[in-house]
Amino acid sequence: MVAPPPRSINGWLVLEPGDRRLATGTVPGTKIRLTLRREVLPFFLALAADYNETIEPLSLGKNDDGGYAYRQSRVNPNWSNHASGTAMDLNWSGHGSQNLANRKWWSLKRNKTATDVIKKRYKIVNWGGDWSDRYYDPMHWELKQGTSVADVERLIDKLGIDPKGVRAR
């Protein structure tokens, strides 16, 4: 019996490095480039652009923002959502995983409000800043489990996101 192809935590198919279903784009208004699954790339580029405008500028530091990564999860035995190209990390040098000192920064009214607006607008994502102390990861954004390509396409259409990740205002 042939084993089924591996899936990430959120249920999406894990992609091997170099898979044609991966694509790279530039976050609008920045020089930051992200690689993600082709179908979800405009969605995440728009989210990252909103983050850049309303929460804080994206860093140009080496390897400070990223999407696709072929690896297992760091918090459980499954494949990471990064391995399916359905998760991204933003400004990880300042907000990296388990950086509990960031809780105060994220709880400031301005930052909390801006984050809440993004979570409401992009309602099919989970934000790692909502996770427990054990897995607190405010740099992390991922598609929710059970989200389909059709769900992403509907929200892209509703928000007026173009193929380059520019959201209609």
Protein backbone atom coordinates (compact mmCIF):
# COMPACT_ATOMS: atom_id res chain seq x y z
CA MET A 1 0.00 0.00 0.00
CA VAL A 2 1.30 3.44 -0.96
CA ALA A 3 1.39 6.02 1.82
CA PRO A 4 -0.69 9.15 1.16
CA PRO A 5 1.28 12.31 0.39
CA PRO A 6 2.20 14.28 3.50
CA ARG A 7 0.00 17.15 4.60
CA SER A 8 0.77 20.13 6.80
CA ILE A 9 -1.01 20.82 10.09
CA ASN A 10 -3.77 22.76 8.32
CA GLY A 11 -4.38 19.91 5.87
CA TRP A 12 -2.70 21.29 2.76
CA LEU A 13 -0.40 19.09 0.67
CA VAL A 14 3.30 19.48 1.53
CA LEU A 15 5.31 20.74 -1.44
CA GLU A 16 8.84 19.63 -2.27
CA PRO A 17 11.43 22.37 -2.86
CA GLY A 18 11.20 23.60 -6.45
CA ASP A 19 7.57 22.51 -6.87
CA ARG A 20 5.83 24.46 -9.66
CA ARG A 21 2.98 25.27 -7.27
CA LEU A 22 5.31 27.65 -5.40
CA ALA A 23 5.63 31.27 -6.49
CA THR A 24 7.51 34.32 -5.26
CA GLY A 25 6.20 37.86 -5.09
CA THR A 26 7.09 41.22 -3.60
CA VAL A 27 5.04 42.63 -0.75
CA PRO A 28 3.39 45.79 -2.16
CA GLY A 29 5.10 48.95 -0.93
CA THR A 30 8.28 47.08 0.11
CA LYS A 31 11.26 45.22 -1.30
CA ILE A 32 10.39 42.12 0.75
CA ARG A 33 9.97 38.95 -1.33
CA LEU A 34 7.97 35.97 -0.11
CA THR A 35 7.61 32.48 -1.55
CA LEU A 36 4.29 30.72 -0.93
CA ARG A 37 1.85 28.41 -2.66
CA ARG A 38 0.84 30.11 -5.93
CA GLU A 39 -2.92 30.11 -5.17
CA VAL A 40 -2.49 31.91 -1.83
CA LEU A 41 0.43 34.21 -2.66
CA PRO A 42 -1.66 37.33 -3.50
CA PHE A 43 -3.65 36.86 -0.27
CA PHE A 44 -0.53 36.72 1.93
CA LEU A 45 1.18 39.56 0.03
CA ALA A 46 -1.84 41.79 0.71
CA LEU A 47 -1.88 40.79 4.39
CA ALA A 48 1.85 41.53 4.68
CA ALA A 49 1.33 44.91 2.98
CA ASP A 50 -1.40 45.78 5.50
CA TYR A 51 0.92 44.67 8.33
CA ASN A 52 3.68 46.89 6.89
CA GLU A 53 1.33 49.90 6.73
CA THR A 54 -0.58 49.53 9.99
CA ILE A 55 1.44 47.53 12.52
CA GLU A 56 5.09 48.18 11.72
CA PRO A 57 7.38 48.36 8.69
CA LEU A 58 8.70 45.04 7.46
CA SER A 59 12.41 44.73 8.08
CA LEU A 60 14.98 44.47 5.35
CA GLY A 61 17.22 42.45 7.63
CA LYS A 62 18.68 39.24 6.25
CA ASN A 63 16.07 36.46 6.36
CA ASP A 64 13.69 38.51 8.50
CA ASP A 65 10.50 37.56 6.66
CA GLY A 66 9.61 34.29 5.01
CA GLY A 67 6.96 31.94 3.75
CA TYR A 68 7.65 28.51 2.29
CA ALA A 69 10.09 26.26 4.18
CA TYR A 70 10.32 22.51 3.67
CA ARG A 71 10.37 21.35 7.29
CA GLN A 72 8.51 19.64 10.09
CA SER A 73 6.65 21.70 12.65
CA ARG A 74 8.70 22.88 15.61
CA VAL A 75 5.78 22.38 18.01
CA ASN A 76 4.36 18.98 17.04
CA PRO A 77 5.33 15.91 14.97
CA ASN A 78 3.46 17.02 11.82
CA TRP A 79 4.65 18.99 8.84
CA SER A 80 4.76 22.76 9.28
CA ASN A 81 2.23 24.88 7.41
CA HIS A 82 5.31 26.57 5.94
CA ALA A 83 5.99 23.27 4.10
CA SER A 84 2.68 23.57 2.26
CA GLY A 85 3.33 27.23 1.42
CA THR A 86 0.36 28.37 3.52
CA ALA A 87 2.13 30.27 6.32
CA MET A 88 4.45 33.26 6.65
CA ASP A 89 6.56 34.87 9.33
CA LEU A 90 7.02 38.65 9.50
CA ASN A 91 9.80 40.55 11.30
CA TRP A 92 11.11 37.47 13.07
CA SER A 93 14.22 39.16 14.44
CA GLY A 94 11.94 41.32 16.58
CA HIS A 95 8.99 39.00 17.07
CA GLY A 96 10.43 35.52 16.81
CA SER A 97 8.87 32.47 18.30
CA GLN A 98 8.70 32.39 22.07
CA ASN A 99 9.80 36.02 22.42
CA LEU A 100 7.54 36.56 25.41
CA ALA A 101 8.93 40.07 25.96
CA ASN A 102 6.90 41.06 22.91
CA ARG A 103 3.60 40.53 24.72
CA LYS A 104 3.76 44.07 26.13
CA TRP A 105 4.49 45.55 22.67
CA TRP A 106 1.65 43.55 21.07
CA SER A 107 -0.77 44.52 23.84
CA LEU A 108 -0.31 48.26 23.25
CA LYS A 109 -3.68 49.60 22.10
CA ARG A 110 -2.39 50.77 18.71
CA ASN A 111 -0.78 47.41 17.89
CA LYS A 112 -3.66 45.33 19.25
CA THR A 113 -6.21 47.35 17.28
CA ALA A 114 -4.22 47.12 14.03
CA THR A 115 -3.72 43.36 14.51
CA ASP A 116 -7.43 42.86 15.23
CA VAL A 117 -8.34 44.72 12.02
CA ILE A 118 -6.03 42.48 9.99
CA LYS A 119 -7.38 39.30 11.63
CA LYS A 120 -10.96 40.42 10.91
CA ARG A 121 -10.20 41.41 7.30
CA TYR A 122 -8.26 38.21 6.54
CA LYS A 123 -10.63 36.00 8.53
CA ILE A 124 -9.29 32.68 7.22
CA VAL A 125 -5.93 33.11 9.00
CA ASN A 126 -4.64 32.20 12.43
CA TRP A 127 -2.18 34.55 14.12
CA GLY A 128 0.52 33.01 16.29
CA GLY A 129 0.16 35.86 18.80
CA ASP A 130 -3.15 34.34 19.84
CA TRP A 131 -1.51 31.07 20.84
CA SER A 132 -0.75 30.02 24.41
CA ASP A 133 2.45 30.82 26.28
CA ARG A 134 3.93 27.51 25.19
CA TYR A 135 3.51 28.27 21.48
CA TYR A 136 3.32 32.07 21.45
CA ASP A 137 4.58 33.10 18.00
CA PRO A 138 3.49 36.64 17.00
CA MET A 139 5.54 36.69 13.80
CA HIS A 140 3.46 33.80 12.39
CA TRP A 141 0.39 33.97 10.11
CA GLU A 142 -1.18 30.83 8.58
CA LEU A 143 -4.30 29.62 6.81
CA LYS A 144 -6.77 28.03 9.21
CA GLN A 145 -7.31 24.29 9.11
CA GLY A 146 -10.09 23.40 6.68
CA THR A 147 -9.53 26.46 4.46
CA SER A 148 -9.77 25.54 0.78
CA VAL A 149 -8.42 27.14 -2.39
CA ALA A 150 -12.01 28.24 -3.11
CA ASP A 151 -12.18 29.96 0.32
CA VAL A 152 -8.97 31.86 -0.44
CA GLU A 153 -10.15 32.81 -3.92
CA ARG A 154 -13.49 34.08 -2.57
CA LEU A 155 -11.74 36.30 -0.01
CA ILE A 156 -9.22 37.55 -2.61
CA ASP A 157 -12.19 38.51 -4.80
CA LYS A 158 -14.15 40.08 -1.91
CA LEU A 159 -11.15 42.18 -0.83
CA GLY A 160 -10.28 43.16 -4.41
CA ILE A 161 -6.74 41.74 -4.20
CA ASP A 162 -4.95 41.68 -7.55
CA PRO A 163 -2.40 38.99 -8.58
CA LYS A 164 0.46 41.11 -7.18
CA GLY A 165 -1.17 41.36 -3.75
CA VAL A 166 -2.46 44.92 -4.05
CA ARG A 167 -5.75 45.24 -2.17
CA ALA A 168 -8.45 47.61 -3.38
CA ARG A 169 -8.99 50.42 -0.87
